[in-house]
Amino acid sequence: MQAEKKILQPQSAEAAYKELVRMGMSDKEGFSIKTFMKYYRK
């Protein structure tokens, strides 16, 4: 959907990660900022 310009994602992967953790996403092993940044598409 992002390629079709139907959704907007934050430019900063760190900001997106912080918001997801705030909403309840786990930040344990396998859900670290490093892993998230590896798979985040800008």
C-alpha atoms as a PDB file:
ATOM      1  CA  MET A   1       0.000   0.000   0.000  1.00  0.00           C
ATOM      2  CA  GLN A   2       2.859   2.378   0.638  1.00  0.00           C
ATOM      3  CA  ALA A   3       4.080   1.978  -2.945  1.00  0.00           C
ATOM      4  CA  GLU A   4       0.616   3.083  -4.076  1.00  0.00           C
ATOM      5  CA  LYS A   5       0.822   6.147  -1.757  1.00  0.00           C
ATOM      6  CA  LYS A   6      -2.220   4.986   0.236  1.00  0.00           C
ATOM      7  CA  ILE A   7      -0.495   4.948   3.635  1.00  0.00           C
ATOM      8  CA  LEU A   8       2.194   7.117   5.157  1.00  0.00           C
ATOM      9  CA  GLN A   9       4.953   5.800   7.402  1.00  0.00           C
ATOM     10  CA  PRO A  10       7.145   7.847   9.727  1.00  0.00           C
ATOM     11  CA  GLN A  11      10.502   8.670   8.136  1.00  0.00           C
ATOM     12  CA  SER A  12      12.296   7.714  11.338  1.00  0.00           C
ATOM     13  CA  ALA A  13      12.295   3.997  12.155  1.00  0.00           C
ATOM     14  CA  GLU A  14      13.097   4.852  15.762  1.00  0.00           C
ATOM     15  CA  ALA A  15       9.969   6.987  16.092  1.00  0.00           C
ATOM     16  CA  ALA A  16       7.837   4.180  14.655  1.00  0.00           C
ATOM     17  CA  TYR A  17       9.424   1.642  17.023  1.00  0.00           C
ATOM     18  CA  LYS A  18       8.857   3.845  20.082  1.00  0.00           C
ATOM     19  CA  GLU A  19       5.195   4.304  19.156  1.00  0.00           C
ATOM     20  CA  LEU A  20       4.680   0.553  18.655  1.00  0.00           C
ATOM     21  CA  VAL A  21       6.258  -0.192  22.046  1.00  0.00           C
ATOM     22  CA  ARG A  22       4.069   2.495  23.610  1.00  0.00           C
ATOM     23  CA  MET A  23       0.990   0.805  22.135  1.00  0.00           C
ATOM     24  CA  GLY A  24       1.987  -2.576  23.558  1.00  0.00           C
ATOM     25  CA  MET A  25       4.455  -4.277  21.222  1.00  0.00           C
ATOM     26  CA  SER A  26       6.996  -6.380  23.084  1.00  0.00           C
ATOM     27  CA  ASP A  27      10.531  -5.049  23.345  1.00  0.00           C
ATOM     28  CA  LYS A  28      12.037  -8.353  24.452  1.00  0.00           C
ATOM     29  CA  GLU A  29      14.469 -10.546  22.499  1.00  0.00           C
ATOM     30  CA  GLY A  30      13.603 -10.647  18.803  1.00  0.00           C
ATOM     31  CA  PHE A  31      11.733  -7.341  18.999  1.00  0.00           C
ATOM     32  CA  SER A  32      14.680  -5.021  19.586  1.00  0.00           C
ATOM     33  CA  ILE A  33      15.213  -1.691  17.854  1.00  0.00           C
ATOM     34  CA  LYS A  34      18.089  -3.240  15.895  1.00  0.00           C
ATOM     35  CA  THR A  35      15.836  -5.973  14.456  1.00  0.00           C
ATOM     36  CA  PHE A  36      13.055  -3.495  13.744  1.00  0.00           C
ATOM     37  CA  MET A  37      15.388  -1.160  11.854  1.00  0.00           C
ATOM     38  CA  LYS A  38      16.639  -4.079   9.760  1.00  0.00           C
ATOM     39  CA  TYR A  39      13.142  -4.766   8.390  1.00  0.00           C
ATOM     40  CA  TYR A  40      11.603  -1.280   8.401  1.00  0.00           C
ATOM     41  CA  ARG A  41      10.868   0.049   4.924  1.00  0.00           C
ATOM     42  CA  LYS A  42      11.252   3.765   4.395  1.00  0.00           C
END
